[in-house]
């Protein structure tokens, strides 16, 4: 079961979520197929998406490409599982990574923003960048507890990080992250 903490990151007492833009609401039970909805919406709008994944290890792209017609809107994905790859491939600030580690909202923002350019098709960057970074467990990472996750969404000049505090075993945290990442893009598109 997903447990996303309520409240803005600025109000977090322990400061672990400092810099996160907003909190992701808990998905409704029995929610429709998010991947199918997202592929349909991207197709309808003529938009393309690129994904940078860490803790999900390719699961987001696998979920998107499970849908027929995804090749019309999915540029691809980068699995930047090793922290150094976040810098060498995606261009995340090496200073940021050294100072904060990989589990940080600004890392999620930079991953989402930069993957659009890294996975450009025909010289055209993707319209949307989506990223996942966090600690899936069973142990923490970079001083963050298991279940601490940041999802980055980049659309135009708007680049945000969404803080998640998830519960469950490693597989459950990863699965929840995939679904909540898709929700984040759908919600961003709904806002216009």
N, C-alpha and C. Protein backbone atom coordinates (compact mmCIF):
# COMPACT_ATOMS: atom_id res chain seq x y z
N UNK A 1 0.85 -1.18 0.00
CA UNK A 1 0.00 0.00 0.00
C UNK A 1 0.89 1.23 0.00
N UNK A 2 0.57 2.19 -0.83
CA UNK A 2 1.32 3.44 -0.92
C UNK A 2 0.95 4.33 0.24
N UNK A 3 1.95 4.96 0.81
CA UNK A 3 1.70 5.93 1.87
C UNK A 3 2.49 7.19 1.55
N UNK A 4 1.87 8.13 0.87
CA UNK A 4 2.54 9.38 0.53
C UNK A 4 2.24 10.38 1.62
N UNK A 5 3.26 10.94 2.21
CA UNK A 5 3.08 11.89 3.30
C UNK A 5 2.40 13.14 2.77
N UNK A 6 1.53 13.71 3.60
CA UNK A 6 0.82 14.91 3.19
C UNK A 6 1.63 16.14 3.57
N UNK A 7 1.35 17.23 2.89
CA UNK A 7 1.99 18.49 3.25
C UNK A 7 3.11 18.86 2.30
N UNK A 8 3.42 20.10 2.28
CA UNK A 8 4.49 20.59 1.41
C UNK A 8 5.84 20.26 1.98
N UNK A 9 6.82 20.16 1.10
CA UNK A 9 8.17 19.80 1.53
C UNK A 9 8.73 20.83 2.49
N UNK A 10 8.37 22.10 2.33
CA UNK A 10 8.89 23.14 3.21
C UNK A 10 8.46 22.92 4.65
N UNK A 11 7.37 22.19 4.85
CA UNK A 11 6.88 21.95 6.19
C UNK A 11 7.44 20.69 6.82
N UNK A 12 8.30 19.96 6.13
CA UNK A 12 8.84 18.72 6.68
C UNK A 12 9.77 19.04 7.84
N UNK A 13 9.55 18.41 8.96
CA UNK A 13 10.32 18.69 10.16
C UNK A 13 11.76 18.21 10.06
N UNK A 14 11.98 17.09 9.38
CA UNK A 14 13.33 16.53 9.36
C UNK A 14 14.17 17.03 8.20
N UNK A 15 13.58 17.75 7.26
CA UNK A 15 14.34 18.35 6.17
C UNK A 15 14.74 17.38 5.07
N UNK A 16 14.37 16.10 5.18
CA UNK A 16 14.77 15.13 4.16
C UNK A 16 14.19 15.46 2.79
N UNK A 17 13.07 16.14 2.76
CA UNK A 17 12.41 16.42 1.50
C UNK A 17 12.66 17.85 1.03
N UNK A 18 13.62 18.52 1.62
CA UNK A 18 13.89 19.90 1.25
C UNK A 18 14.12 20.00 -0.25
N UNK A 19 13.39 20.89 -0.88
CA UNK A 19 13.56 21.10 -2.30
C UNK A 19 12.54 20.37 -3.16
N UNK A 20 11.74 19.49 -2.59
CA UNK A 20 10.71 18.81 -3.37
C UNK A 20 9.57 19.79 -3.60
N UNK A 21 9.00 19.77 -4.78
CA UNK A 21 7.99 20.74 -5.15
C UNK A 21 6.61 20.42 -4.61
N UNK A 22 6.26 19.16 -4.56
CA UNK A 22 4.94 18.79 -4.08
C UNK A 22 4.93 17.32 -3.70
N UNK A 23 3.83 16.90 -3.10
CA UNK A 23 3.66 15.51 -2.71
C UNK A 23 2.66 14.84 -3.65
N UNK A 24 2.93 13.59 -3.96
CA UNK A 24 2.05 12.83 -4.84
C UNK A 24 0.93 12.22 -4.01
N UNK A 25 -0.33 12.43 -4.39
CA UNK A 25 -1.42 11.79 -3.66
C UNK A 25 -1.42 10.29 -3.88
N UNK A 26 -2.06 9.59 -2.98
CA UNK A 26 -2.17 8.14 -3.10
C UNK A 26 -3.09 7.79 -4.26
N UNK A 27 -2.71 6.82 -5.11
CA UNK A 27 -3.58 6.46 -6.23
C UNK A 27 -4.86 5.79 -5.73
N UNK A 28 -5.91 5.99 -6.48
CA UNK A 28 -7.19 5.37 -6.12
C UNK A 28 -7.15 3.88 -6.41
N UNK A 29 -7.72 3.06 -5.50
CA UNK A 29 -7.77 1.62 -5.78
C UNK A 29 -8.56 1.36 -7.06
N UNK A 30 -8.10 0.41 -7.83
CA UNK A 30 -8.79 0.05 -9.07
C UNK A 30 -8.65 1.09 -10.16
N UNK A 31 -7.62 1.92 -10.07
CA UNK A 31 -7.40 2.96 -11.08
C UNK A 31 -7.21 2.32 -12.45
N UNK A 32 -7.67 2.99 -13.51
CA UNK A 32 -7.50 2.44 -14.86
C UNK A 32 -6.03 2.35 -15.25
N UNK A 33 -5.76 1.69 -16.33
CA UNK A 33 -4.40 1.48 -16.81
C UNK A 33 -3.73 2.81 -17.12
N UNK A 34 -2.83 3.23 -16.24
CA UNK A 34 -2.18 4.52 -16.36
C UNK A 34 -1.33 4.61 -17.63
N UNK A 35 -0.61 3.54 -17.93
CA UNK A 35 0.27 3.55 -19.11
C UNK A 35 -0.56 3.73 -20.38
N UNK A 36 -1.66 3.04 -20.50
CA UNK A 36 -2.51 3.18 -21.68
C UNK A 36 -3.08 4.59 -21.77
N UNK A 37 -3.50 5.14 -20.63
CA UNK A 37 -4.02 6.51 -20.62
C UNK A 37 -2.94 7.50 -21.04
N UNK A 38 -1.73 7.31 -20.53
CA UNK A 38 -0.65 8.24 -20.85
C UNK A 38 -0.26 8.15 -22.33
N UNK A 39 -0.12 6.94 -22.85
CA UNK A 39 0.22 6.79 -24.27
C UNK A 39 -0.86 7.42 -25.14
N UNK A 40 -2.12 7.21 -24.79
CA UNK A 40 -3.23 7.79 -25.57
C UNK A 40 -3.18 9.32 -25.52
N UNK A 41 -2.90 9.87 -24.34
CA UNK A 41 -2.87 11.33 -24.20
C UNK A 41 -1.68 11.94 -24.93
N UNK A 42 -0.53 11.30 -24.83
CA UNK A 42 0.64 11.80 -25.56
C UNK A 42 0.40 11.75 -27.07
N UNK A 43 -0.21 10.67 -27.54
CA UNK A 43 -0.51 10.52 -28.96
C UNK A 43 -1.49 11.61 -29.41
N UNK A 44 -2.53 11.81 -28.63
CA UNK A 44 -3.55 12.82 -28.95
C UNK A 44 -2.93 14.22 -29.05
N UNK A 45 -1.98 14.50 -28.18
CA UNK A 45 -1.36 15.83 -28.15
C UNK A 45 -0.12 15.95 -29.04
N UNK A 46 0.33 14.84 -29.61
CA UNK A 46 1.51 14.87 -30.46
C UNK A 46 2.79 15.13 -29.67
N UNK A 47 2.85 14.63 -28.45
CA UNK A 47 4.01 14.83 -27.58
C UNK A 47 4.84 13.57 -27.46
N UNK A 48 6.13 13.75 -27.18
CA UNK A 48 7.05 12.62 -26.99
C UNK A 48 7.66 12.70 -25.60
N UNK A 49 7.96 11.52 -25.04
CA UNK A 49 8.48 11.42 -23.69
C UNK A 49 9.80 10.65 -23.69
N UNK A 50 10.70 11.05 -22.80
CA UNK A 50 11.95 10.34 -22.55
C UNK A 50 12.05 10.10 -21.05
N UNK A 51 12.64 8.98 -20.67
CA UNK A 51 12.65 8.57 -19.26
C UNK A 51 14.07 8.29 -18.79
N UNK A 52 14.39 8.78 -17.59
CA UNK A 52 15.65 8.48 -16.92
C UNK A 52 15.32 7.78 -15.62
N UNK A 53 15.82 6.56 -15.46
CA UNK A 53 15.45 5.76 -14.28
C UNK A 53 16.66 5.34 -13.48
N UNK A 54 16.48 5.34 -12.17
CA UNK A 54 17.49 4.80 -11.28
C UNK A 54 16.87 3.62 -10.53
N UNK A 55 16.17 3.86 -9.43
CA UNK A 55 15.67 2.74 -8.63
C UNK A 55 14.71 1.83 -9.39
N UNK A 56 14.03 2.32 -10.41
CA UNK A 56 13.09 1.49 -11.17
C UNK A 56 13.76 0.66 -12.25
N UNK A 57 15.00 0.94 -12.56
CA UNK A 57 15.80 0.09 -13.43
C UNK A 57 15.19 -0.30 -14.77
N UNK A 58 14.44 0.59 -15.39
CA UNK A 58 13.84 0.31 -16.69
C UNK A 58 12.37 -0.08 -16.64
N UNK A 59 11.81 -0.18 -15.45
CA UNK A 59 10.41 -0.60 -15.32
C UNK A 59 9.43 0.43 -15.88
N UNK A 60 9.76 1.71 -15.80
CA UNK A 60 8.85 2.74 -16.33
C UNK A 60 8.77 2.61 -17.85
N UNK A 61 9.91 2.53 -18.50
CA UNK A 61 9.91 2.38 -19.97
C UNK A 61 9.24 1.06 -20.37
N UNK A 62 9.49 0.01 -19.62
CA UNK A 62 8.84 -1.28 -19.93
C UNK A 62 7.33 -1.15 -19.83
N UNK A 63 6.85 -0.44 -18.83
CA UNK A 63 5.41 -0.25 -18.67
C UNK A 63 4.83 0.56 -19.82
N UNK A 64 5.53 1.62 -20.21
CA UNK A 64 5.04 2.43 -21.33
C UNK A 64 5.05 1.66 -22.64
N UNK A 65 6.12 0.93 -22.91
CA UNK A 65 6.25 0.23 -24.19
C UNK A 65 5.44 -1.06 -24.24
N UNK A 66 4.80 -1.42 -23.15
CA UNK A 66 3.85 -2.54 -23.13
C UNK A 66 2.61 -2.20 -23.95
N UNK A 67 2.36 -0.91 -24.15
CA UNK A 67 1.16 -0.44 -24.83
C UNK A 67 1.41 -0.36 -26.33
N UNK A 68 0.54 -0.98 -27.15
CA UNK A 68 0.70 -0.85 -28.60
C UNK A 68 0.64 0.62 -29.03
N UNK A 69 1.51 0.99 -29.93
CA UNK A 69 1.55 2.37 -30.41
C UNK A 69 2.50 3.26 -29.62
N UNK A 70 3.13 2.72 -28.59
CA UNK A 70 4.04 3.52 -27.77
C UNK A 70 5.20 4.08 -28.58
N UNK A 71 5.59 3.40 -29.64
CA UNK A 71 6.74 3.86 -30.43
C UNK A 71 6.49 5.23 -31.06
N UNK A 72 5.24 5.65 -31.14
CA UNK A 72 4.92 6.96 -31.69
C UNK A 72 5.26 8.08 -30.72
N UNK A 73 5.37 7.76 -29.42
CA UNK A 73 5.52 8.83 -28.41
C UNK A 73 6.65 8.61 -27.42
N UNK A 74 7.24 7.43 -27.37
CA UNK A 74 8.31 7.15 -26.41
C UNK A 74 9.65 7.20 -27.13
N UNK A 75 10.48 8.19 -26.77
CA UNK A 75 11.82 8.27 -27.37
C UNK A 75 12.70 7.14 -26.86
N UNK A 76 12.60 6.83 -25.58
CA UNK A 76 13.41 5.78 -24.99
C UNK A 76 13.66 6.06 -23.54
N UNK A 77 14.61 5.29 -22.99
CA UNK A 77 14.93 5.44 -21.58
C UNK A 77 16.41 5.22 -21.33
N UNK A 78 16.88 5.83 -20.24
CA UNK A 78 18.24 5.64 -19.76
C UNK A 78 18.12 5.06 -18.36
N UNK A 79 18.78 3.93 -18.13
CA UNK A 79 18.86 3.40 -16.77
C UNK A 79 20.19 3.86 -16.20
N UNK A 80 20.12 4.86 -15.34
CA UNK A 80 21.31 5.43 -14.70
C UNK A 80 21.35 4.92 -13.27
N UNK A 81 21.58 3.63 -13.13
CA UNK A 81 21.52 2.98 -11.83
C UNK A 81 22.71 3.36 -10.97
N UNK A 82 23.89 3.36 -11.54
CA UNK A 82 25.09 3.79 -10.82
C UNK A 82 25.08 5.32 -10.75
N UNK A 83 25.38 5.85 -9.59
CA UNK A 83 25.37 7.30 -9.40
C UNK A 83 26.24 8.02 -10.42
N UNK A 84 27.40 7.47 -10.75
CA UNK A 84 28.31 8.12 -11.70
C UNK A 84 27.68 8.27 -13.08
N UNK A 85 26.80 7.36 -13.47
CA UNK A 85 26.14 7.42 -14.78
C UNK A 85 25.17 8.60 -14.84
N UNK A 86 24.62 8.96 -13.71
CA UNK A 86 23.74 10.13 -13.69
C UNK A 86 24.49 11.37 -14.17
N UNK A 87 25.77 11.44 -13.86
CA UNK A 87 26.59 12.56 -14.34
C UNK A 87 27.12 12.31 -15.75
N UNK A 88 27.74 11.15 -15.97
CA UNK A 88 28.43 10.92 -17.25
C UNK A 88 27.50 10.82 -18.44
N UNK A 89 26.30 10.31 -18.25
CA UNK A 89 25.36 10.17 -19.37
C UNK A 89 24.32 11.28 -19.37
N UNK A 90 23.74 11.56 -18.21
CA UNK A 90 22.64 12.52 -18.14
C UNK A 90 23.10 13.95 -17.87
N UNK A 91 24.29 14.13 -17.34
CA UNK A 91 24.78 15.47 -17.09
C UNK A 91 24.36 16.05 -15.75
N UNK A 92 23.88 15.21 -14.81
CA UNK A 92 23.56 15.70 -13.48
C UNK A 92 24.84 16.26 -12.86
N UNK A 93 24.74 17.36 -12.16
CA UNK A 93 25.89 18.03 -11.55
C UNK A 93 26.68 17.07 -10.66
N UNK A 94 27.96 16.93 -10.95
CA UNK A 94 28.81 16.07 -10.12
C UNK A 94 28.95 16.65 -8.72
N UNK A 95 28.93 17.97 -8.58
CA UNK A 95 29.00 18.61 -7.27
C UNK A 95 27.76 18.27 -6.46
N UNK A 96 26.60 18.33 -7.09
CA UNK A 96 25.34 17.97 -6.42
C UNK A 96 25.38 16.52 -5.95
N UNK A 97 25.80 15.63 -6.83
CA UNK A 97 25.86 14.21 -6.48
C UNK A 97 26.84 13.96 -5.33
N UNK A 98 27.98 14.65 -5.34
CA UNK A 98 28.96 14.47 -4.26
C UNK A 98 28.43 15.03 -2.94
N UNK A 99 27.71 16.13 -3.00
CA UNK A 99 27.21 16.79 -1.79
C UNK A 99 25.97 16.10 -1.22
N UNK A 100 25.01 15.73 -2.08
CA UNK A 100 23.71 15.24 -1.62
C UNK A 100 23.48 13.76 -1.86
N UNK A 101 24.23 13.17 -2.78
CA UNK A 101 23.96 11.79 -3.18
C UNK A 101 22.90 11.75 -4.25
N UNK A 102 22.52 10.55 -4.67
CA UNK A 102 21.59 10.37 -5.78
C UNK A 102 20.13 10.52 -5.39
N UNK A 103 19.82 10.38 -4.11
CA UNK A 103 18.43 10.44 -3.65
C UNK A 103 18.14 11.85 -3.16
N UNK A 104 17.78 12.71 -4.11
CA UNK A 104 17.59 14.13 -3.81
C UNK A 104 16.67 14.72 -4.88
N UNK A 105 15.81 15.67 -4.49
CA UNK A 105 14.88 16.24 -5.48
C UNK A 105 15.56 16.95 -6.64
N UNK A 106 16.67 17.63 -6.40
CA UNK A 106 17.35 18.31 -7.50
C UNK A 106 17.96 17.31 -8.48
N UNK A 107 18.38 16.15 -7.99
CA UNK A 107 18.87 15.09 -8.88
C UNK A 107 17.72 14.64 -9.79
N UNK A 108 16.53 14.44 -9.21
CA UNK A 108 15.37 14.03 -10.02
C UNK A 108 15.05 15.09 -11.07
N UNK A 109 15.12 16.36 -10.69
CA UNK A 109 14.84 17.45 -11.64
C UNK A 109 15.84 17.43 -12.80
N UNK A 110 17.13 17.35 -12.45
CA UNK A 110 18.15 17.38 -13.49
C UNK A 110 18.05 16.16 -14.40
N UNK A 111 17.77 14.99 -13.84
CA UNK A 111 17.61 13.78 -14.66
C UNK A 111 16.47 13.97 -15.65
N UNK A 112 15.31 14.46 -15.17
CA UNK A 112 14.14 14.65 -16.04
C UNK A 112 14.40 15.69 -17.12
N UNK A 113 15.06 16.77 -16.73
CA UNK A 113 15.34 17.84 -17.69
C UNK A 113 16.32 17.37 -18.76
N UNK A 114 17.42 16.75 -18.32
CA UNK A 114 18.50 16.39 -19.24
C UNK A 114 18.18 15.20 -20.15
N UNK A 115 17.34 14.27 -19.69
CA UNK A 115 17.05 13.10 -20.53
C UNK A 115 16.33 13.49 -21.81
N UNK A 116 15.63 14.61 -21.81
CA UNK A 116 14.94 15.06 -23.02
C UNK A 116 15.95 15.31 -24.14
N UNK A 117 17.06 15.93 -23.78
CA UNK A 117 18.11 16.24 -24.76
C UNK A 117 18.91 14.98 -25.11
N UNK A 118 19.25 14.20 -24.10
CA UNK A 118 20.06 12.99 -24.31
C UNK A 118 19.37 12.04 -25.28
N UNK A 119 18.06 11.95 -25.19
CA UNK A 119 17.30 11.03 -26.05
C UNK A 119 16.53 11.77 -27.14
N UNK A 120 17.11 12.83 -27.65
CA UNK A 120 16.51 13.56 -28.77
C UNK A 120 16.42 12.64 -29.98
N UNK A 121 15.39 12.83 -30.77
CA UNK A 121 15.19 12.06 -32.00
C UNK A 121 15.22 13.04 -33.16
N UNK A 122 16.15 12.81 -34.10
CA UNK A 122 16.27 13.71 -35.25
C UNK A 122 16.60 15.13 -34.83
N UNK A 123 17.36 15.28 -33.74
CA UNK A 123 17.72 16.60 -33.26
C UNK A 123 16.65 17.28 -32.43
N UNK A 124 15.49 16.64 -32.27
CA UNK A 124 14.39 17.23 -31.50
C UNK A 124 14.33 16.58 -30.12
N UNK A 125 14.56 17.38 -29.05
CA UNK A 125 14.44 16.82 -27.71
C UNK A 125 13.00 16.36 -27.44
N UNK A 126 12.87 15.42 -26.53
CA UNK A 126 11.53 14.98 -26.13
C UNK A 126 10.79 16.15 -25.48
N UNK A 127 9.49 16.16 -25.60
CA UNK A 127 8.66 17.21 -25.01
C UNK A 127 8.59 17.08 -23.49
N UNK A 128 8.64 15.84 -23.02
CA UNK A 128 8.50 15.54 -21.60
C UNK A 128 9.66 14.68 -21.15
N UNK A 129 10.22 15.02 -20.00
CA UNK A 129 11.22 14.19 -19.35
C UNK A 129 10.65 13.68 -18.05
N UNK A 130 10.87 12.41 -17.76
CA UNK A 130 10.39 11.78 -16.54
C UNK A 130 11.55 11.05 -15.90
N UNK A 131 11.69 11.19 -14.59
CA UNK A 131 12.79 10.50 -13.91
C UNK A 131 12.35 9.90 -12.59
N UNK A 132 13.11 8.88 -12.16
CA UNK A 132 12.91 8.26 -10.86
C UNK A 132 14.26 8.09 -10.18
N UNK A 133 14.34 8.45 -8.92
CA UNK A 133 15.53 8.20 -8.13
C UNK A 133 15.08 8.00 -6.69
N UNK A 134 15.74 7.10 -5.98
CA UNK A 134 15.33 6.85 -4.60
C UNK A 134 15.99 5.63 -4.01
N UNK A 135 15.53 5.28 -2.83
CA UNK A 135 16.02 4.12 -2.10
C UNK A 135 14.91 3.08 -2.04
N UNK A 136 15.05 2.02 -2.83
CA UNK A 136 14.02 0.97 -2.88
C UNK A 136 14.11 0.02 -1.70
N UNK A 137 15.27 -0.07 -1.06
CA UNK A 137 15.43 -0.98 0.07
C UNK A 137 16.08 -2.27 -0.35
N UNK A 138 16.38 -3.14 0.53
CA UNK A 138 15.93 -3.13 1.93
C UNK A 138 16.71 -2.18 2.83
N UNK A 139 17.84 -1.64 2.36
CA UNK A 139 18.58 -0.67 3.16
C UNK A 139 18.43 0.70 2.53
N UNK A 140 18.81 1.73 3.27
CA UNK A 140 18.74 3.09 2.77
C UNK A 140 19.89 3.40 1.83
N UNK A 141 19.88 4.61 1.29
CA UNK A 141 20.93 5.07 0.40
C UNK A 141 21.13 6.56 0.64
N UNK A 142 22.37 6.99 0.67
CA UNK A 142 22.70 8.41 0.82
C UNK A 142 22.02 9.03 2.04
N UNK A 143 21.90 8.24 3.11
CA UNK A 143 21.29 8.73 4.33
C UNK A 143 19.77 8.78 4.30
N UNK A 144 19.17 8.28 3.23
CA UNK A 144 17.71 8.28 3.11
C UNK A 144 17.17 6.89 3.43
N UNK A 145 16.01 6.84 4.05
CA UNK A 145 15.40 5.57 4.42
C UNK A 145 14.79 4.87 3.21
N UNK A 146 14.68 3.54 3.26
CA UNK A 146 14.00 2.83 2.17
C UNK A 146 12.59 3.39 1.97
N UNK A 147 12.22 3.54 0.73
CA UNK A 147 10.91 4.10 0.39
C UNK A 147 10.94 5.59 0.09
N UNK A 148 12.09 6.24 0.31
CA UNK A 148 12.24 7.65 -0.05
C UNK A 148 12.52 7.72 -1.54
N UNK A 149 11.63 8.36 -2.28
CA UNK A 149 11.70 8.39 -3.74
C UNK A 149 11.40 9.81 -4.21
N UNK A 150 12.06 10.20 -5.29
CA UNK A 150 11.75 11.46 -5.97
C UNK A 150 11.46 11.15 -7.43
N UNK A 151 10.38 11.72 -7.91
CA UNK A 151 10.00 11.62 -9.32
C UNK A 151 10.18 13.01 -9.92
N UNK A 152 10.90 13.08 -11.02
CA UNK A 152 11.08 14.34 -11.72
C UNK A 152 10.23 14.38 -12.97
N UNK A 153 9.62 15.53 -13.23
CA UNK A 153 8.82 15.73 -14.44
C UNK A 153 9.24 17.07 -15.05
N UNK A 154 9.64 17.03 -16.31
CA UNK A 154 10.06 18.23 -17.02
C UNK A 154 9.18 18.41 -18.26
N UNK A 155 8.53 19.55 -18.34
CA UNK A 155 7.71 19.92 -19.49
C UNK A 155 8.03 21.38 -19.79
N UNK A 156 8.63 21.63 -20.94
CA UNK A 156 9.05 22.99 -21.25
C UNK A 156 10.05 23.47 -20.21
N UNK A 157 9.86 24.69 -19.73
CA UNK A 157 10.75 25.24 -18.71
C UNK A 157 10.34 24.83 -17.30
N UNK A 158 9.21 24.15 -17.17
CA UNK A 158 8.71 23.72 -15.86
C UNK A 158 9.32 22.36 -15.51
N UNK A 159 10.17 22.34 -14.50
CA UNK A 159 10.82 21.11 -14.06
C UNK A 159 10.55 20.97 -12.57
N UNK A 160 9.88 19.89 -12.19
CA UNK A 160 9.51 19.71 -10.79
C UNK A 160 9.97 18.36 -10.26
N UNK A 161 10.07 18.29 -8.94
CA UNK A 161 10.37 17.05 -8.26
C UNK A 161 9.25 16.77 -7.28
N UNK A 162 8.81 15.55 -7.24
CA UNK A 162 7.72 15.13 -6.36
C UNK A 162 8.30 14.13 -5.37
N UNK A 163 8.11 14.41 -4.10
CA UNK A 163 8.62 13.55 -3.03
C UNK A 163 7.60 12.47 -2.70
N UNK A 164 8.08 11.25 -2.60
CA UNK A 164 7.24 10.12 -2.21
C UNK A 164 7.86 9.44 -0.99
N UNK A 165 7.04 9.02 -0.08
CA UNK A 165 7.47 8.18 1.05
C UNK A 165 6.64 6.91 0.94
N UNK A 166 7.22 5.86 0.41
CA UNK A 166 6.49 4.64 0.09
C UNK A 166 6.77 3.56 1.13
N UNK A 167 5.84 2.65 1.28
CA UNK A 167 5.98 1.52 2.20
C UNK A 167 5.93 0.23 1.42
N UNK A 168 6.61 -0.77 1.92
CA UNK A 168 6.58 -2.08 1.30
C UNK A 168 7.98 -2.61 1.11
N UNK A 169 8.04 -3.80 0.53
CA UNK A 169 9.35 -4.39 0.24
C UNK A 169 9.93 -3.74 -1.02
N UNK A 170 11.11 -4.16 -1.39
CA UNK A 170 11.80 -3.56 -2.53
C UNK A 170 10.96 -3.59 -3.81
N UNK A 171 10.38 -4.73 -4.12
CA UNK A 171 9.57 -4.85 -5.34
C UNK A 171 8.34 -3.95 -5.28
N UNK A 172 7.72 -3.87 -4.11
CA UNK A 172 6.54 -3.03 -3.96
C UNK A 172 6.88 -1.55 -4.12
N UNK A 173 8.00 -1.12 -3.55
CA UNK A 173 8.42 0.27 -3.68
C UNK A 173 8.68 0.60 -5.15
N UNK A 174 9.34 -0.28 -5.84
CA UNK A 174 9.63 -0.05 -7.26
C UNK A 174 8.34 -0.01 -8.08
N UNK A 175 7.43 -0.96 -7.85
CA UNK A 175 6.16 -0.99 -8.58
C UNK A 175 5.33 0.26 -8.31
N UNK A 176 5.26 0.67 -7.04
CA UNK A 176 4.51 1.88 -6.69
C UNK A 176 5.11 3.10 -7.38
N UNK A 177 6.43 3.15 -7.43
CA UNK A 177 7.11 4.28 -8.07
C UNK A 177 6.72 4.38 -9.54
N UNK A 178 6.69 3.25 -10.22
CA UNK A 178 6.31 3.26 -11.65
C UNK A 178 4.92 3.87 -11.82
N UNK A 179 3.96 3.38 -11.07
CA UNK A 179 2.58 3.85 -11.23
C UNK A 179 2.45 5.32 -10.85
N UNK A 180 3.11 5.73 -9.76
CA UNK A 180 3.02 7.12 -9.33
C UNK A 180 3.76 8.06 -10.29
N UNK A 181 4.81 7.58 -10.93
CA UNK A 181 5.51 8.39 -11.94
C UNK A 181 4.59 8.63 -13.14
N UNK A 182 3.90 7.60 -13.57
CA UNK A 182 2.95 7.78 -14.68
C UNK A 182 1.83 8.74 -14.28
N UNK A 183 1.34 8.60 -13.04
CA UNK A 183 0.33 9.53 -12.53
C UNK A 183 0.84 10.97 -12.56
N UNK A 184 2.10 11.15 -12.18
CA UNK A 184 2.68 12.50 -12.14
C UNK A 184 2.64 13.16 -13.52
N UNK A 185 2.96 12.40 -14.56
CA UNK A 185 2.92 12.97 -15.91
C UNK A 185 1.49 13.25 -16.32
N UNK A 186 0.58 12.34 -16.04
CA UNK A 186 -0.82 12.57 -16.37
C UNK A 186 -1.36 13.82 -15.65
N UNK A 187 -1.02 13.97 -14.39
CA UNK A 187 -1.47 15.15 -13.64
C UNK A 187 -0.86 16.42 -14.22
N UNK A 188 0.39 16.36 -14.61
CA UNK A 188 1.05 17.53 -15.19
C UNK A 188 0.38 17.92 -16.50
N UNK A 189 0.04 16.93 -17.32
CA UNK A 189 -0.65 17.21 -18.58
C UNK A 189 -2.03 17.79 -18.32
N UNK A 190 -2.72 17.31 -17.28
CA UNK A 190 -4.03 17.83 -16.95
C UNK A 190 -3.99 19.31 -16.55
N UNK A 191 -2.87 19.72 -15.94
CA UNK A 191 -2.71 21.12 -15.52
C UNK A 191 -2.45 22.04 -16.71
N UNK A 192 -2.07 21.43 -17.83
CA UNK A 192 -1.82 22.22 -19.04
C UNK A 192 -0.42 22.72 -19.19
